[in-house]
Protein backbone atom coordinates (compact mmCIF):
# COMPACT_ATOMS: atom_id res chain seq x y z
CA MET A 1 2.99 -30.21 28.40
CA SER A 2 5.66 -27.68 27.53
CA ASN A 3 7.04 -24.81 29.58
CA THR A 4 8.02 -22.76 26.51
CA ASN A 5 6.56 -19.30 26.20
CA SER A 6 4.52 -18.90 22.99
CA THR A 7 4.76 -15.10 22.93
CA PRO A 8 7.67 -13.61 20.99
CA ALA A 9 10.53 -11.94 22.84
CA LYS A 10 10.32 -8.17 23.00
CA THR A 11 13.87 -7.73 21.73
CA PRO A 12 14.93 -9.25 18.41
CA THR A 13 17.41 -12.13 18.31
CA HIS A 14 18.91 -10.92 15.01
CA ILE A 15 19.16 -7.69 13.01
CA ALA A 16 18.60 -7.55 9.23
CA TYR A 17 20.98 -5.43 7.15
CA GLN A 18 21.23 -4.53 3.48
CA VAL A 19 24.86 -4.87 2.42
CA ARG A 20 26.14 -3.16 -0.72
CA ASP A 21 29.70 -3.88 -1.84
CA ARG A 22 32.04 -1.00 -2.61
CA ASN A 23 35.01 -1.14 -4.94
CA GLY A 24 38.20 -1.64 -2.97
CA GLY A 25 36.59 -1.23 0.44
CA LYS A 26 34.29 -2.67 3.04
CA GLY A 27 30.62 -3.09 2.24
CA PHE A 28 28.11 -0.40 3.17
CA TRP A 29 25.70 -1.81 5.82
CA THR A 30 22.22 -0.35 6.40
CA ARG A 31 19.89 -1.68 9.09
CA ILE A 32 16.56 -2.58 7.46
CA GLY A 33 14.74 -4.75 9.99
CA SER A 34 14.57 -7.13 12.93
CA VAL A 35 14.28 -10.90 13.38
CA TRP A 36 12.78 -12.98 16.19
CA ALA A 37 13.38 -16.72 16.65
CA HIS A 38 10.33 -18.96 17.04
CA ALA A 39 9.85 -20.38 20.53
CA ASP A 40 10.32 -23.94 19.21
CA GLY A 41 13.65 -23.01 17.57
CA GLN A 42 12.44 -24.15 14.14
CA GLY A 43 12.14 -20.80 12.35
CA PHE A 44 12.13 -17.01 12.44
CA ASN A 45 9.78 -14.05 12.03
CA VAL A 46 11.37 -11.32 9.88
CA GLN A 47 10.06 -7.75 9.95
CA LEU A 48 11.61 -5.54 7.25
CA GLU A 49 11.18 -1.77 7.27
CA CYS A 50 12.22 -1.64 3.60
CA PHE A 51 13.17 -4.12 0.90
CA PRO A 52 16.49 -3.57 -0.93
CA LEU A 53 16.60 -3.61 -4.73
CA ASP A 54 20.35 -4.16 -4.83
CA GLY A 55 22.97 -5.76 -2.62
CA ARG A 56 22.09 -8.58 -0.27
CA ILE A 57 20.27 -9.09 3.04
CA THR A 58 22.45 -10.26 5.92
CA LEU A 59 21.11 -11.40 9.30
CA ARG A 60 23.38 -10.92 12.31
CA VAL A 61 22.90 -11.88 15.95
CA ALA A 62 21.63 -8.86 17.88
CA THR A 63 24.12 -7.53 20.40
CA GLU A 64 24.01 -4.76 22.95
CA LYS A 65 26.93 -3.03 21.18
CA ALA A 66 26.08 0.43 19.87
CA GLU A 67 25.65 0.46 16.10
C-alpha cells in the first residue's frame, strides 16, 4: 500500500511560457499555462490557456518570485 496522495497539488510545479526570440536581445516570454507533476513522478499534466503558433514552449519550475 502506498502513502502517496492521488489528488493533484493545488499549485502547479511548473509554469509554461511561450518564448519568442528577438533580434539582438533577450527573448520575449509570455505565460501561457501551468503544469502539475504526477504523484508517481512519471509524468505531468499540462494545462495551456492558449497555444502559440510561433516561438517555442518552455517549462520552468514554479517559484514564489513575482513575475
